[in-house]
Amino acid sequence: MSNPVYQALKKALILSPLAIPIGIVLSYGILVIFMGDTGGAFALMAFSIICTAGISLIVWVPIWYGLGYLVLLLVQMLLKAVGVDVPAMFTRSEKSDAPSTELQSTSKSPDTKETDSSNLTKDQVALMNYIRKAKQKGLSNDAITRNLGQNGWNIDSISQALRLVEQG
């Protein structure tokens, strides 16, 4: 989907598992700085939760999440500035072994059709681009399937990509 709200939610869900633990540590550190005592900072957090029977978590959890999320966004921005593809680190691949670089190199040429990649993974787009190039060179579907199978692609992914390429 290209909906910006959906993209923002997806990005937040990728970062959220670490946001609260990072926020807890950061808020504890901030309390230590302001109170000047590690025991006092811990006591404030613990007693505010215990004495209110957990109701203060309505305040603490958003604070922890917000602080942690901001730290994670800053780290993500720094990694992006360095050139690391952060979303690719969190996506799962169907296969454990990456195919050869020959299959992954999908330089775009003017005669190659662009696929709407919003619903496809990077592997599917690379596979479809490889199939298009192989068909332009005159390879049959059987030869393409055999070559891809020898390079670690599973048959289901290959047949799905072949169908999508033939549909246009």
Protein backbone atom coordinates (compact mmCIF):
# COMPACT_ATOMS: atom_id res chain seq x y z
CA MET A 1 0.00 0.00 0.00
CA SER A 2 1.14 3.52 -0.68
CA ASN A 3 -1.11 5.05 1.98
CA PRO A 4 1.09 7.33 4.13
CA VAL A 5 -0.78 6.41 7.33
CA TYR A 6 -0.22 2.72 6.63
CA GLN A 7 3.49 3.35 5.95
CA ALA A 8 3.83 5.30 9.23
CA LEU A 9 2.10 2.53 11.19
CA LYS A 10 4.29 -0.12 9.57
CA LYS A 11 7.40 1.88 10.44
CA ALA A 12 6.20 2.32 14.03
CA LEU A 13 5.52 -1.39 14.43
CA ILE A 14 9.00 -2.25 13.19
CA LEU A 15 10.55 -0.01 15.82
CA SER A 16 8.08 -0.60 18.68
CA PRO A 17 9.44 -3.82 20.27
CA LEU A 18 12.52 -1.96 21.45
CA ALA A 19 10.94 1.41 22.20
CA ILE A 20 9.57 0.68 25.68
CA PRO A 21 12.71 -1.00 27.11
CA ILE A 22 14.89 1.80 25.74
CA GLY A 23 12.42 4.36 27.12
CA ILE A 24 12.52 2.76 30.59
CA VAL A 25 16.30 2.97 30.71
CA LEU A 26 16.33 6.52 29.35
CA SER A 27 13.63 7.79 31.74
CA TYR A 28 15.45 6.14 34.65
CA GLY A 29 18.63 7.91 33.59
CA ILE A 30 16.83 11.24 33.36
CA LEU A 31 15.33 10.74 36.84
CA VAL A 32 18.77 9.87 38.23
CA ILE A 33 20.14 13.12 36.78
CA PHE A 34 17.32 15.23 38.23
CA MET A 35 17.16 13.47 41.60
CA GLY A 36 20.89 12.90 41.97
CA ASP A 37 20.34 9.45 43.43
CA THR A 38 19.88 6.08 41.73
CA GLY A 39 17.88 4.67 44.62
CA GLY A 40 15.55 7.65 44.69
CA ALA A 41 14.89 7.44 40.95
CA PHE A 42 14.08 3.74 41.19
CA ALA A 43 11.89 4.32 44.24
CA LEU A 44 9.95 7.06 42.48
CA MET A 45 9.21 4.85 39.48
CA ALA A 46 8.47 1.72 41.52
CA PHE A 47 6.33 3.36 44.21
CA SER A 48 4.36 5.38 41.68
CA ILE A 49 3.41 2.12 39.97
CA ILE A 50 2.87 0.04 43.11
CA CYS A 51 1.01 2.66 45.17
CA THR A 52 -1.43 3.43 42.37
CA ALA A 53 -2.03 -0.28 41.65
CA GLY A 54 -0.59 0.16 38.19
CA ILE A 55 -2.76 3.10 37.19
CA SER A 56 0.32 5.31 36.82
CA LEU A 57 1.36 3.05 33.95
CA ILE A 58 -1.16 5.07 31.95
CA VAL A 59 1.38 7.87 32.24
CA TRP A 60 4.64 5.88 32.32
CA VAL A 61 4.11 3.62 29.29
CA PRO A 62 3.51 6.48 26.80
CA ILE A 63 6.51 8.33 28.23
CA TRP A 64 8.69 5.21 27.90
CA TYR A 65 7.42 4.49 24.40
CA GLY A 66 7.87 8.10 23.26
CA LEU A 67 11.42 8.39 24.59
CA GLY A 68 12.41 5.00 23.17
CA TYR A 69 10.80 5.70 19.82
CA LEU A 70 12.65 9.02 19.53
CA VAL A 71 15.96 7.31 20.28
CA LEU A 72 15.24 4.62 17.70
CA LEU A 73 14.30 7.23 15.09
CA LEU A 74 17.54 9.09 15.73
CA VAL A 75 19.53 5.86 15.39
CA GLN A 76 17.63 5.02 12.21
CA MET A 77 18.36 8.47 10.77
CA LEU A 78 22.05 8.13 11.61
CA LEU A 79 22.22 4.68 10.01
CA LYS A 80 20.42 5.98 6.94
CA ALA A 81 22.88 8.88 6.70
CA VAL A 82 25.73 6.37 6.78
CA GLY A 83 24.05 4.35 4.02
CA VAL A 84 22.60 1.35 5.90
CA ASP A 85 19.24 0.07 4.60
CA VAL A 86 17.42 -0.21 7.94
CA PRO A 87 14.04 -1.58 6.71
CA ALA A 88 15.86 -4.38 4.89
CA MET A 89 17.36 -5.46 8.21
CA PHE A 90 13.86 -6.17 9.57
CA THR A 91 12.29 -7.90 6.56
CA ARG A 92 12.18 -11.66 6.40
CA SER A 93 13.27 -13.57 3.37
CA GLU A 94 11.70 -16.86 2.24
CA LYS A 95 15.08 -18.43 1.73
CA SER A 96 17.98 -18.61 4.08
CA ASP A 97 20.60 -18.53 1.34
CA ALA A 98 20.72 -15.54 -0.97
CA PRO A 99 20.77 -16.31 -4.68
CA SER A 100 23.77 -15.52 -6.78
CA THR A 101 24.56 -11.91 -7.53
CA GLU A 102 23.72 -12.55 -11.16
CA LEU A 103 20.06 -12.93 -10.20
CA GLN A 104 20.09 -10.00 -7.82
CA SER A 105 21.53 -7.49 -10.24
CA THR A 106 18.46 -5.93 -11.75
CA SER A 107 19.61 -2.74 -13.37
CA LYS A 108 16.64 -0.92 -14.79
CA SER A 109 16.56 -0.31 -18.47
CA PRO A 110 14.00 1.73 -20.41
CA ASP A 111 12.58 -1.39 -22.05
CA THR A 112 12.02 -3.20 -18.73
CA LYS A 113 8.49 -2.86 -17.42
CA GLU A 114 8.26 -1.44 -13.94
CA THR A 115 6.23 -3.54 -11.55
CA ASP A 116 4.04 -2.04 -8.85
CA SER A 117 6.36 -3.07 -6.04
CA SER A 118 4.18 -1.76 -3.22
CA ASN A 119 2.75 -5.25 -2.64
CA LEU A 120 5.83 -7.24 -3.65
CA THR A 121 8.99 -8.04 -1.74
CA LYS A 122 12.41 -7.09 -3.09
CA ASP A 123 13.06 -10.76 -3.90
CA GLN A 124 9.85 -10.99 -5.95
CA VAL A 125 10.68 -7.84 -7.90
CA ALA A 126 14.23 -9.08 -8.55
CA LEU A 127 12.88 -12.45 -9.65
CA MET A 128 10.37 -10.87 -12.02
CA ASN A 129 13.01 -8.57 -13.52
CA TYR A 130 15.30 -11.56 -14.07
CA ILE A 131 12.48 -13.48 -15.77
CA ARG A 132 11.71 -10.51 -18.06
CA LYS A 133 15.37 -10.23 -19.08
CA ALA A 134 15.64 -13.99 -19.64
CA LYS A 135 12.51 -13.95 -21.83
CA GLN A 136 13.96 -11.05 -23.84
CA LYS A 137 17.00 -13.24 -24.47
CA GLY A 138 14.72 -16.02 -25.73
CA LEU A 139 14.87 -18.47 -22.81
CA SER A 140 11.88 -20.75 -22.32
CA ASN A 141 9.93 -20.96 -19.06
CA ASP A 142 11.47 -24.39 -18.38
CA ALA A 143 15.01 -23.07 -18.83
CA ILE A 144 14.26 -20.07 -16.61
CA THR A 145 12.75 -22.31 -13.91
CA ARG A 146 15.72 -24.69 -14.08
CA ASN A 147 18.28 -21.85 -13.84
CA LEU A 148 16.49 -20.21 -10.92
CA GLY A 149 16.02 -23.53 -9.12
CA GLN A 150 19.74 -24.22 -9.41
CA ASN A 151 20.41 -20.83 -7.79
CA GLY A 152 18.31 -21.49 -4.68
CA TRP A 153 14.88 -20.14 -5.61
CA ASN A 154 11.90 -22.28 -4.64
CA ILE A 155 9.45 -23.48 -7.28
CA ASP A 156 6.43 -21.68 -5.78
CA SER A 157 8.16 -18.29 -5.96
CA ILE A 158 9.32 -18.97 -9.52
CA SER A 159 5.88 -20.03 -10.77
CA GLN A 160 4.20 -17.08 -9.06
CA ALA A 161 6.70 -14.68 -10.64
CA LEU A 162 6.22 -16.30 -14.05
CA ARG A 163 2.45 -15.84 -13.74
CA LEU A 164 2.84 -12.19 -12.75
CA VAL A 165 5.23 -11.51 -15.64
CA GLU A 166 2.88 -13.16 -18.14
CA GLN A 167 -0.08 -11.16 -16.80
CA GLY A 168 1.83 -7.99 -17.55
